[in-house]
Each structure stands twice: as C-alpha cells, then as structure tokens.
PDB file of N, CA and C in Angstrom:
ATOM      1  N   MET A   1       9.795 -18.326   9.439  1.00  0.00           N
ATOM      2  CA  MET A   1      10.691 -18.061   8.436  1.00  0.00           C
ATOM      3  C   MET A   1      10.145 -17.995   7.081  1.00  0.00           C
ATOM      4  N   SER A   2      10.381 -16.847   6.361  1.00  0.00           N
ATOM      5  CA  SER A   2       9.792 -16.616   5.106  1.00  0.00           C
ATOM      6  C   SER A   2      10.363 -17.485   3.954  1.00  0.00           C
ATOM      7  N   SER A   3       9.477 -17.744   2.970  1.00  0.00           N
ATOM      8  CA  SER A   3       9.996 -18.433   1.787  1.00  0.00           C
ATOM      9  C   SER A   3      10.446 -17.511   0.734  1.00  0.00           C
ATOM     10  N   GLU A   4      10.321 -16.157   1.013  1.00  0.00           N
ATOM     11  CA  GLU A   4      10.860 -15.367  -0.009  1.00  0.00           C
ATOM     12  C   GLU A   4      12.268 -15.270  -0.118  1.00  0.00           C
ATOM     13  N   ALA A   5      12.784 -15.125  -1.214  1.00  0.00           N
ATOM     14  CA  ALA A   5      14.287 -14.927  -1.509  1.00  0.00           C
ATOM     15  C   ALA A   5      14.605 -13.337  -1.350  1.00  0.00           C
ATOM     16  N   GLY A   6      15.837 -13.090  -1.140  1.00  0.00           N
ATOM     17  CA  GLY A   6      16.307 -11.704  -1.048  1.00  0.00           C
ATOM     18  C   GLY A   6      16.422 -11.089   0.323  1.00  0.00           C
ATOM     19  N   TRP A   7      16.742  -9.787   0.344  1.00  0.00           N
ATOM     20  CA  TRP A   7      17.040  -9.054   1.573  1.00  0.00           C
ATOM     21  C   TRP A   7      15.676  -8.723   2.273  1.00  0.00           C
ATOM     22  N   VAL A   8      15.775  -8.773   3.701  1.00  0.00           N
ATOM     23  CA  VAL A   8      14.745  -8.340   4.446  1.00  0.00           C
ATOM     24  C   VAL A   8      15.165  -7.178   5.397  1.00  0.00           C
ATOM     25  N   PHE A   9      14.583  -6.138   5.412  1.00  0.00           N
ATOM     26  CA  PHE A   9      14.994  -4.970   6.108  1.00  0.00           C
ATOM     27  C   PHE A   9      14.193  -4.580   7.248  1.00  0.00           C
ATOM     28  N   PHE A  10      14.787  -4.189   8.462  1.00  0.00           N
ATOM     29  CA  PHE A  10      14.108  -3.907   9.612  1.00  0.00           C
ATOM     30  C   PHE A  10      14.261  -2.413   9.918  1.00  0.00           C
ATOM     31  N   ASP A  11      13.374  -1.612  10.223  1.00  0.00           N
ATOM     32  CA  ASP A  11      13.469  -0.264  10.572  1.00  0.00           C
ATOM     33  C   ASP A  11      14.159  -0.001  11.938  1.00  0.00           C
ATOM     34  N   ARG A  12      13.821  -0.816  12.960  1.00  0.00           N
ATOM     35  CA  ARG A  12      14.323  -0.856  14.228  1.00  0.00           C
ATOM     36  C   ARG A  12      14.749  -2.290  14.693  1.00  0.00           C
ATOM     37  N   GLY A  13      15.619  -2.421  15.702  1.00  0.00           N
ATOM     38  CA  GLY A  13      15.927  -3.790  16.152  1.00  0.00           C
ATOM     39  C   GLY A  13      16.059  -3.732  17.617  1.00  0.00           C
ATOM     40  N   LEU A  14      16.772  -4.916  18.184  1.00  0.00           N
ATOM     41  CA  LEU A  14      16.969  -5.144  19.531  1.00  0.00           C
ATOM     42  C   LEU A  14      17.940  -4.033  20.000  1.00  0.00           C
ATOM     43  N   VAL A  15      18.912  -3.608  19.305  1.00  0.00           N
ATOM     44  CA  VAL A  15      19.930  -2.613  19.889  1.00  0.00           C
ATOM     45  C   VAL A  15      19.256  -1.266  19.995  1.00  0.00           C
ATOM     46  N   ASP A  16      18.363  -1.009  19.083  1.00  0.00           N
ATOM     47  CA  ASP A  16      17.612   0.230  19.281  1.00  0.00           C
ATOM     48  C   ASP A  16      16.783   0.288  20.593  1.00  0.00           C
ATOM     49  N   ALA A  17      16.107  -0.769  20.839  1.00  0.00           N
ATOM     50  CA  ALA A  17      15.376  -0.983  21.927  1.00  0.00           C
ATOM     51  C   ALA A  17      16.211  -0.970  23.250  1.00  0.00           C
ATOM     52  N   ALA A  18      17.280  -1.561  23.174  1.00  0.00           N
ATOM     53  CA  ALA A  18      18.267  -1.665  24.558  1.00  0.00           C
ATOM     54  C   ALA A  18      18.769  -0.375  24.693  1.00  0.00           C
ATOM     55  N   VAL A  19      19.347   0.425  23.728  1.00  0.00           N
ATOM     56  CA  VAL A  19      19.771   1.881  23.873  1.00  0.00           C
ATOM     57  C   VAL A  19      18.677   2.649  24.370  1.00  0.00           C
ATOM     58  N   ALA A  20      17.455   2.560  23.896  1.00  0.00           N
ATOM     59  CA  ALA A  20      16.554   3.304  24.479  1.00  0.00           C
ATOM     60  C   ALA A  20      16.189   3.154  25.981  1.00  0.00           C
ATOM     61  N   LEU A  21      16.038   1.723  26.280  1.00  0.00           N
ATOM     62  CA  LEU A  21      16.007   1.347  27.684  1.00  0.00           C
ATOM     63  C   LEU A  21      17.164   1.844  28.632  1.00  0.00           C
ATOM     64  N   GLU A  22      18.353   1.702  28.061  1.00  0.00           N
ATOM     65  CA  GLU A  22      19.479   2.398  28.800  1.00  0.00           C
ATOM     66  C   GLU A  22      19.311   3.847  29.121  1.00  0.00           C
ATOM     67  N   HIS A  23      18.982   4.520  28.120  1.00  0.00           N
ATOM     68  CA  HIS A  23      18.704   5.952  28.156  1.00  0.00           C
ATOM     69  C   HIS A  23      17.588   6.304  29.210  1.00  0.00           C
ATOM     70  N   ALA A  24      16.378   5.468  29.141  1.00  0.00           N
ATOM     71  CA  ALA A  24      15.421   5.775  30.154  1.00  0.00           C
ATOM     72  C   ALA A  24      15.761   5.347  31.644  1.00  0.00           C
ATOM     73  N   THR A  25      16.532   4.217  31.736  1.00  0.00           N
ATOM     74  CA  THR A  25      16.774   3.757  33.197  1.00  0.00           C
ATOM     75  C   THR A  25      18.086   3.986  33.743  1.00  0.00           C
ATOM     76  N   GLY A  26      19.038   4.180  32.823  1.00  0.00           N
ATOM     77  CA  GLY A  26      20.491   4.351  33.205  1.00  0.00           C
ATOM     78  C   GLY A  26      21.097   2.961  33.388  1.00  0.00           C
ATOM     79  N   GLY A  27      20.316   1.916  33.229  1.00  0.00           N
ATOM     80  CA  GLY A  27      20.882   0.593  33.350  1.00  0.00           C
ATOM     81  C   GLY A  27      21.713   0.011  32.130  1.00  0.00           C
ATOM     82  N   PRO A  28      22.620  -0.922  32.166  1.00  0.00           N
ATOM     83  CA  PRO A  28      23.325  -1.320  31.037  1.00  0.00           C
ATOM     84  C   PRO A  28      22.513  -2.372  30.224  1.00  0.00           C
ATOM     85  N   ALA A  29      21.495  -1.938  29.571  1.00  0.00           N
ATOM     86  CA  ALA A  29      20.738  -2.955  28.900  1.00  0.00           C
ATOM     87  C   ALA A  29      21.431  -3.568  27.716  1.00  0.00           C
ATOM     88  N   ARG A  30      22.349  -2.820  27.062  1.00  0.00           N
ATOM     89  CA  ARG A  30      23.139  -3.294  25.945  1.00  0.00           C
ATOM     90  C   ARG A  30      23.790  -4.698  26.288  1.00  0.00           C
ATOM     91  N   ASN A  31      24.147  -4.896  27.393  1.00  0.00           N
ATOM     92  CA  ASN A  31      24.916  -5.986  27.848  1.00  0.00           C
ATOM     93  C   ASN A  31      24.045  -7.258  27.588  1.00  0.00           C
ATOM     94  N   LEU A  32      22.821  -7.170  27.627  1.00  0.00           N
ATOM     95  CA  LEU A  32      21.879  -8.225  27.352  1.00  0.00           C
ATOM     96  C   LEU A  32      21.905  -8.779  25.984  1.00  0.00           C
ATOM     97  N   LEU A  33      22.482  -7.905  25.067  1.00  0.00           N
ATOM     98  CA  LEU A  33      22.449  -8.386  23.758  1.00  0.00           C
ATOM     99  C   LEU A  33      23.558  -9.343  23.321  1.00  0.00           C
ATOM    100  N   ALA A  34      24.467  -9.616  24.112  1.00  0.00           N
ATOM    101  CA  ALA A  34      25.567 -10.475  23.970  1.00  0.00           C
ATOM    102  C   ALA A  34      25.107 -11.998  23.597  1.00  0.00           C
ATOM    103  N   SER A  35      23.882 -12.278  24.176  1.00  0.00           N
ATOM    104  CA  SER A  35      23.610 -13.659  23.920  1.00  0.00           C
ATOM    105  C   SER A  35      22.638 -13.882  22.684  1.00  0.00           C
ATOM    106  N   HIS A  36      22.301 -12.740  22.002  1.00  0.00           N
ATOM    107  CA  HIS A  36      21.427 -12.644  20.810  1.00  0.00           C
ATOM    108  C   HIS A  36      22.315 -12.772  19.428  1.00  0.00           C
ATOM    109  N   ASP A  37      21.727 -13.572  18.597  1.00  0.00           N
ATOM    110  CA  ASP A  37      22.394 -13.493  17.201  1.00  0.00           C
ATOM    111  C   ASP A  37      22.066 -12.140  16.560  1.00  0.00           C
ATOM    112  N   ARG A  38      22.957 -11.855  15.666  1.00  0.00           N
ATOM    113  CA  ARG A  38      22.696 -10.482  14.731  1.00  0.00           C
ATOM    114  C   ARG A  38      21.799 -10.854  13.633  1.00  0.00           C
ATOM    115  N   TYR A  39      21.159  -9.898  13.162  1.00  0.00           N
ATOM    116  CA  TYR A  39      20.510 -10.135  11.892  1.00  0.00           C
ATOM    117  C   TYR A  39      21.581 -10.134  10.760  1.00  0.00           C
ATOM    118  N   HIS A  40      22.524  -9.090  10.794  1.00  0.00           N
ATOM    119  CA  HIS A  40      23.480  -8.915   9.753  1.00  0.00           C
ATOM    120  C   HIS A  40      24.586  -8.002  10.564  1.00  0.00           C
ATOM    121  N   GLU A  41      25.798  -8.072  10.045  1.00  0.00           N
ATOM    122  CA  GLU A  41      26.822  -7.406  10.638  1.00  0.00           C
ATOM    123  C   GLU A  41      26.806  -5.845  10.168  1.00  0.00           C
ATOM    124  N   ARG A  42      26.095  -5.584   9.032  1.00  0.00           N
ATOM    125  CA  ARG A  42      26.085  -4.146   8.575  1.00  0.00           C
ATOM    126  C   ARG A  42      24.749  -3.481   8.943  1.00  0.00           C
ATOM    127  N   VAL A  43      25.013  -2.303   9.480  1.00  0.00           N
ATOM    128  CA  VAL A  43      23.798  -1.464   9.797  1.00  0.00           C
ATOM    129  C   VAL A  43      23.780  -0.137   9.037  1.00  0.00           C
ATOM    130  N   PHE A  44      22.720   0.206   8.569  1.00  0.00           N
ATOM    131  CA  PHE A  44      22.542   1.435   7.935  1.00  0.00           C
ATOM    132  C   PHE A  44      21.774   2.505   8.608  1.00  0.00           C
ATOM    133  N   MET A  45      22.599   3.592   8.967  1.00  0.00           N
ATOM    134  CA  MET A  45      21.973   4.612   9.808  1.00  0.00           C
ATOM    135  C   MET A  45      21.384   5.775   8.966  1.00  0.00           C
ATOM    136  N   THR A  46      20.370   6.249   9.318  1.00  0.00           N
ATOM    137  CA  THR A  46      19.728   7.391   8.699  1.00  0.00           C
ATOM    138  C   THR A  46      19.806   8.669   9.643  1.00  0.00           C
ATOM    139  N   PRO A  47      20.683   9.758   9.298  1.00  0.00           N
ATOM    140  CA  PRO A  47      20.668  10.677  10.288  1.00  0.00           C
ATOM    141  C   PRO A  47      19.486  11.564  10.261  1.00  0.00           C
ATOM    142  N   PRO A  48      19.116  12.221  11.351  1.00  0.00           N
ATOM    143  CA  PRO A  48      18.098  13.220  11.265  1.00  0.00           C
ATOM    144  C   PRO A  48      18.397  14.301  10.155  1.00  0.00           C
ATOM    145  N   TRP A  49      17.384  14.621   9.408  1.00  0.00           N
ATOM    146  CA  TRP A  49      17.594  15.441   8.355  1.00  0.00           C
ATOM    147  C   TRP A  49      16.707  16.719   8.563  1.00  0.00           C
ATOM    148  N   PRO A  50      17.282  17.880   9.123  1.00  0.00           N
ATOM    149  CA  PRO A  50      16.409  18.967   9.566  1.00  0.00           C
ATOM    150  C   PRO A  50      15.534  19.509   8.439  1.00  0.00           C
ATOM    151  N   GLU A  51      16.003  19.487   7.379  1.00  0.00           N
ATOM    152  CA  GLU A  51      15.085  20.118   6.275  1.00  0.00           C
ATOM    153  C   GLU A  51      13.876  19.380   5.953  1.00  0.00           C
ATOM    154  N   ILE A  52      13.823  18.154   6.303  1.00  0.00           N
ATOM    155  CA  ILE A  52      12.556  17.304   6.048  1.00  0.00           C
ATOM    156  C   ILE A  52      11.933  16.769   7.388  1.00  0.00           C
ATOM    157  N   TYR A  53      12.533  17.025   8.395  1.00  0.00           N
ATOM    158  CA  TYR A  53      12.181  16.437   9.735  1.00  0.00           C
ATOM    159  C   TYR A  53      10.738  16.998  10.149  1.00  0.00           C
ATOM    160  N   VAL A  54       9.800  16.175  10.528  1.00  0.00           N
ATOM    161  CA  VAL A  54       8.572  16.582  11.032  1.00  0.00           C
ATOM    162  C   VAL A  54       8.195  15.774  12.399  1.00  0.00           C
ATOM    163  N   THR A  55       7.552  16.539  13.291  1.00  0.00           N
ATOM    164  CA  THR A  55       6.988  15.797  14.411  1.00  0.00           C
ATOM    165  C   THR A  55       5.564  15.493  14.093  1.00  0.00           C
ATOM    166  N   GLU A  56       5.310  14.148  14.382  1.00  0.00           N
ATOM    167  CA  GLU A  56       3.971  13.581  13.924  1.00  0.00           C
ATOM    168  C   GLU A  56       3.584  12.545  14.998  1.00  0.00           C
ATOM    169  N   LYS A  57       2.377  11.960  14.847  1.00  0.00           N
ATOM    170  CA  LYS A  57       1.749  10.912  15.787  1.00  0.00           C
ATOM    171  C   LYS A  57       2.892   9.851  15.985  1.00  0.00           C
ATOM    172  N   GLU A  58       3.383   9.276  14.815  1.00  0.00           N
ATOM    173  CA  GLU A  58       4.474   8.180  15.067  1.00  0.00           C
ATOM    174  C   GLU A  58       5.859   8.613  15.530  1.00  0.00           C
ATOM    175  N   ARG A  59       6.128   9.914  15.319  1.00  0.00           N
ATOM    176  CA  ARG A  59       7.459  10.566  15.634  1.00  0.00           C
ATOM    177  C   ARG A  59       7.113  11.824  16.564  1.00  0.00           C
ATOM    178  N   GLN A  60       7.103  11.512  17.767  1.00  0.00           N
ATOM    179  CA  GLN A  60       6.574  12.558  18.713  1.00  0.00           C
ATOM    180  C   GLN A  60       7.747  13.429  19.271  1.00  0.00           C
ATOM    181  N   HIS A  61       9.076  12.958  19.198  1.00  0.00           N
ATOM    182  CA  HIS A  61      10.136  13.759  19.801  1.00  0.00           C
ATOM    183  C   HIS A  61      10.566  14.771  18.742  1.00  0.00           C
ATOM    184  N   ASP A  62      11.212  15.760  19.389  1.00  0.00           N
ATOM    185  CA  ASP A  62      11.592  16.987  18.441  1.00  0.00           C
ATOM    186  C   ASP A  62      12.989  16.660  17.887  1.00  0.00           C
ATOM    187  N   LEU A  63      13.412  17.443  17.013  1.00  0.00           N
ATOM    188  CA  LEU A  63      14.609  17.242  16.250  1.00  0.00           C
ATOM    189  C   LEU A  63      15.907  17.041  17.057  1.00  0.00           C
ATOM    190  N   ALA A  64      15.977  17.935  18.179  1.00  0.00           N
ATOM    191  CA  ALA A  64      17.090  17.793  19.202  1.00  0.00           C
ATOM    192  C   ALA A  64      17.125  16.435  19.759  1.00  0.00           C
ATOM    193  N   GLU A  65      15.878  15.910  20.110  1.00  0.00           N
ATOM    194  CA  GLU A  65      15.900  14.511  20.704  1.00  0.00           C
ATOM    195  C   GLU A  65      16.205  13.307  19.750  1.00  0.00           C
ATOM    196  N   ALA A  66      15.793  13.649  18.487  1.00  0.00           N
ATOM    197  CA  ALA A  66      16.088  12.585  17.370  1.00  0.00           C
ATOM    198  C   ALA A  66      17.629  12.693  17.118  1.00  0.00           C
ATOM    199  N   ILE A  67      18.332  13.797  17.150  1.00  0.00           N
ATOM    200  CA  ILE A  67      19.703  13.893  17.020  1.00  0.00           C
ATOM    201  C   ILE A  67      20.453  13.095  18.178  1.00  0.00           C
ATOM    202  N   ALA A  68      19.998  13.357  19.351  1.00  0.00           N
ATOM    203  CA  ALA A  68      20.608  12.762  20.587  1.00  0.00           C
ATOM    204  C   ALA A  68      20.463  11.362  20.395  1.00  0.00           C
ATOM    205  N   GLU A  69      19.204  10.840  20.019  1.00  0.00           N
ATOM    206  CA  GLU A  69      19.037   9.231  19.968  1.00  0.00           C
ATOM    207  C   GLU A  69      19.898   8.833  18.850  1.00  0.00           C
ATOM    208  N   TYR A  70      19.982   9.427  17.732  1.00  0.00           N
ATOM    209  CA  TYR A  70      20.908   8.979  16.608  1.00  0.00           C
ATOM    210  C   TYR A  70      22.287   8.798  17.091  1.00  0.00           C
ATOM    211  N   ASP A  71      22.733   9.818  17.772  1.00  0.00           N
ATOM    212  CA  ASP A  71      24.201   9.827  18.225  1.00  0.00           C
ATOM    213  C   ASP A  71      24.358   8.559  19.171  1.00  0.00           C
ATOM    214  N   ARG A  72      23.399   8.382  20.172  1.00  0.00           N
ATOM    215  CA  ARG A  72      23.479   7.188  21.026  1.00  0.00           C
ATOM    216  C   ARG A  72      23.617   5.951  20.193  1.00  0.00           C
ATOM    217  N   LEU A  73      22.730   5.769  19.180  1.00  0.00           N
ATOM    218  CA  LEU A  73      22.696   4.577  18.356  1.00  0.00           C
ATOM    219  C   LEU A  73      24.005   4.302  17.636  1.00  0.00           C
ATOM    220  N   VAL A  74      24.450   5.385  17.083  1.00  0.00           N
ATOM    221  CA  VAL A  74      25.803   5.291  16.218  1.00  0.00           C
ATOM    222  C   VAL A  74      26.874   4.663  17.130  1.00  0.00           C
ATOM    223  N   ILE A  75      27.049   5.297  18.303  1.00  0.00           N
ATOM    224  CA  ILE A  75      28.044   4.894  19.269  1.00  0.00           C
ATOM    225  C   ILE A  75      27.804   3.393  19.701  1.00  0.00           C
ATOM    226  N   ALA A  76      26.542   3.093  20.003  1.00  0.00           N
ATOM    227  CA  ALA A  76      26.204   1.642  20.456  1.00  0.00           C
ATOM    228  C   ALA A  76      26.501   0.671  19.365  1.00  0.00           C
ATOM    229  N   TYR A  77      26.012   0.991  18.213  1.00  0.00           N
ATOM    230  CA  TYR A  77      26.294  -0.130  17.141  1.00  0.00           C
ATOM    231  C   TYR A  77      27.695  -0.404  16.885  1.00  0.00           C
ATOM    232  N   ARG A  78      28.447   0.665  16.960  1.00  0.00           N
ATOM    233  CA  ARG A  78      30.040   0.628  16.662  1.00  0.00           C
ATOM    234  C   ARG A  78      30.686  -0.034  17.826  1.00  0.00           C
ATOM    235  N   GLU A  79      30.257   0.216  19.027  1.00  0.00           N
ATOM    236  CA  GLU A  79      30.783  -0.436  20.335  1.00  0.00           C
ATOM    237  C   GLU A  79      30.308  -2.092  20.322  1.00  0.00           C
ATOM    238  N   LEU A  80      29.353  -2.400  19.759  1.00  0.00           N
ATOM    239  CA  LEU A  80      28.867  -3.708  19.606  1.00  0.00           C
ATOM    240  C   LEU A  80      29.497  -4.393  18.445  1.00  0.00           C
ATOM    241  N   GLY A  81      30.270  -3.663  17.688  1.00  0.00           N
ATOM    242  CA  GLY A  81      31.087  -4.410  16.545  1.00  0.00           C
ATOM    243  C   GLY A  81      30.320  -4.517  15.205  1.00  0.00           C
ATOM    244  N   TYR A  82      29.203  -3.730  15.145  1.00  0.00           N
ATOM    245  CA  TYR A  82      28.524  -3.646  13.737  1.00  0.00           C
ATOM    246  C   TYR A  82      29.234  -2.656  12.868  1.00  0.00           C
ATOM    247  N   GLU A  83      29.283  -3.056  11.619  1.00  0.00           N
ATOM    248  CA  GLU A  83      29.857  -2.090  10.608  1.00  0.00           C
ATOM    249  C   GLU A  83      28.635  -1.109  10.155  1.00  0.00           C
ATOM    250  N   THR A  84      28.941   0.163  10.547  1.00  0.00           N
ATOM    251  CA  THR A  84      27.825   1.108  10.347  1.00  0.00           C
ATOM    252  C   THR A  84      28.058   2.039   8.965  1.00  0.00           C
ATOM    253  N   PHE A  85      26.986   2.117   8.361  1.00  0.00           N
ATOM    254  CA  PHE A  85      27.052   2.997   7.110  1.00  0.00           C
ATOM    255  C   PHE A  85      26.053   4.116   7.331  1.00  0.00           C
ATOM    256  N   ILE A  86      26.423   5.323   7.185  1.00  0.00           N
ATOM    257  CA  ILE A  86      25.661   6.518   7.122  1.00  0.00           C
ATOM    258  C   ILE A  86      24.999   6.729   5.813  1.00  0.00           C
ATOM    259  N   LEU A  87      23.718   6.730   5.804  1.00  0.00           N
ATOM    260  CA  LEU A  87      23.098   6.954   4.456  1.00  0.00           C
ATOM    261  C   LEU A  87      23.221   8.470   4.045  1.00  0.00           C
ATOM    262  N   PRO A  88      23.533   8.724   2.882  1.00  0.00           N
ATOM    263  CA  PRO A  88      23.629  10.028   2.405  1.00  0.00           C
ATOM    264  C   PRO A  88      22.266  10.786   2.352  1.00  0.00           C
ATOM    265  N   LYS A  89      22.340  11.894   2.415  1.00  0.00           N
ATOM    266  CA  LYS A  89      20.954  12.836   2.431  1.00  0.00           C
ATOM    267  C   LYS A  89      20.743  13.111   0.909  1.00  0.00           C
ATOM    268  N   VAL A  90      20.215  12.075   0.250  1.00  0.00           N
ATOM    269  CA  VAL A  90      19.852  12.173  -1.175  1.00  0.00           C
ATOM    270  C   VAL A  90      18.439  11.604  -1.393  1.00  0.00           C
ATOM    271  N   ALA A  91      17.981  11.559  -2.647  1.00  0.00           N
ATOM    272  CA  ALA A  91      16.685  11.071  -2.927  1.00  0.00           C
ATOM    273  C   ALA A  91      16.526   9.543  -2.445  1.00  0.00           C
ATOM    274  N   VAL A  92      15.370   9.101  -2.207  1.00  0.00           N
ATOM    275  CA  VAL A  92      14.993   7.851  -1.779  1.00  0.00           C
ATOM    276  C   VAL A  92      15.518   6.636  -2.649  1.00  0.00           C
ATOM    277  N   GLU A  93      15.402   6.821  -4.054  1.00  0.00           N
ATOM    278  CA  GLU A  93      16.089   5.950  -4.905  1.00  0.00           C
ATOM    279  C   GLU A  93      17.539   5.673  -4.753  1.00  0.00           C
ATOM    280  N   ASP A  94      18.206   6.933  -4.568  1.00  0.00           N
ATOM    281  CA  ASP A  94      19.735   7.014  -4.453  1.00  0.00           C
ATOM    282  C   ASP A  94      20.113   6.296  -3.201  1.00  0.00           C
ATOM    283  N   ARG A  95      19.291   6.543  -2.094  1.00  0.00           N
ATOM    284  CA  ARG A  95      19.580   5.798  -0.833  1.00  0.00           C
ATOM    285  C   ARG A  95      19.468   4.269  -0.968  1.00  0.00           C
ATOM    286  N   ALA A  96      18.386   3.850  -1.616  1.00  0.00           N
ATOM    287  CA  ALA A  96      18.296   2.488  -1.895  1.00  0.00           C
ATOM    288  C   ALA A  96      19.403   1.852  -2.704  1.00  0.00           C
ATOM    289  N   ASP A  97      19.761   2.534  -3.639  1.00  0.00           N
ATOM    290  CA  ASP A  97      20.978   2.067  -4.440  1.00  0.00           C
ATOM    291  C   ASP A  97      22.218   1.968  -3.597  1.00  0.00           C
ATOM    292  N   PHE A  98      22.466   3.038  -2.661  1.00  0.00           N
ATOM    293  CA  PHE A  98      23.603   3.032  -1.874  1.00  0.00           C
ATOM    294  C   PHE A  98      23.518   1.730  -0.891  1.00  0.00           C
ATOM    295  N   VAL A  99      22.395   1.347  -0.373  1.00  0.00           N
ATOM    296  CA  VAL A  99      22.278   0.257   0.589  1.00  0.00           C
ATOM    297  C   VAL A  99      22.583  -1.053  -0.280  1.00  0.00           C
ATOM    298  N   LEU A 100      21.984  -1.134  -1.451  1.00  0.00           N
ATOM    299  CA  LEU A 100      22.055  -2.425  -2.236  1.00  0.00           C
ATOM    300  C   LEU A 100      23.624  -2.490  -2.590  1.00  0.00           C
ATOM    301  N   ARG A 101      24.273  -1.361  -3.054  1.00  0.00           N
ATOM    302  CA  ARG A 101      25.662  -1.434  -3.446  1.00  0.00           C
ATOM    303  C   ARG A 101      26.620  -1.864  -2.226  1.00  0.00           C
ATOM    304  N   HIS A 102      26.219  -1.494  -1.057  1.00  0.00           N
ATOM    305  CA  HIS A 102      27.015  -1.978   0.002  1.00  0.00           C
ATOM    306  C   HIS A 102      26.726  -3.334   0.596  1.00  0.00           C
ATOM    307  N   LEU A 103      25.646  -3.889   0.049  1.00  0.00           N
ATOM    308  CA  LEU A 103      25.326  -5.265   0.496  1.00  0.00           C
ATOM    309  C   LEU A 103      25.706  -6.276  -0.719  1.00  0.00           C
ATOM    310  N   SER A 104      26.019  -5.814  -1.783  1.00  0.00           N
ATOM    311  CA  SER A 104      26.533  -6.830  -2.837  1.00  0.00           C
ATOM    312  C   SER A 104      27.852  -7.399  -2.501  1.00  0.00           C
ATOM    313  N   PRO A 105      28.007  -8.557  -2.915  1.00  0.00           N
ATOM    314  CA  PRO A 105      29.335  -9.200  -2.682  1.00  0.00           C
ATOM    315  C   PRO A 105      30.523  -8.673  -3.447  1.00  0.00           C
TER     316      PRO A 105
END
C-alpha cells in the first residue's frame, strides 16, 4: 500500500486480461472476476485513434485488431457494471482534465 495521497491510475487491469483470455480461448474468463474487488467503479476508455496510431514493439497488433479489442473491452466493462467514460480525442492535457473532472466529487 502506498503512502502517497491522491489518485493512482492503471493502464490495464484484470478485466482487460480476462477479456483477452476469453478472446484467445473462447472460455468465460470474465466470470472469474466476480470474486475480485474493483479498483474503482469508473473506467476511462481510450479509443483507437487512427490519425496517431502506430504499430511498435510494445503495440504489435494493427489498427483493426486494436479497434476489435477496444470494442470487446467497452462491452465487457459495461456488462460488469462499470461506469465507462470514453476519452475525447483531444490534447493530452485536455484528456487529463477530462478524467480529473469526472473523478471530482
């Protein structure tokens, strides 16, 4: 447990891993998540952005695969009862402001 105050953000989580496992095996991996606590009820999704999308060492799948994965994740998070927010395609600073605005009480 961190002694730092404030928000902690994760790029990927258990839902992402379970959805990828489901896609790879066809098995209902999502059902395993019922026994796990959530990090937070709100999830911020970043849609693939064709104008800036690149394939690289860390991101090896192409844009079509990225879109398909994104679509699976949006559906899964909503089916699991998460409140999903789609980040706007704007500058990084504006996206950060969007997130913080939606986390403020």
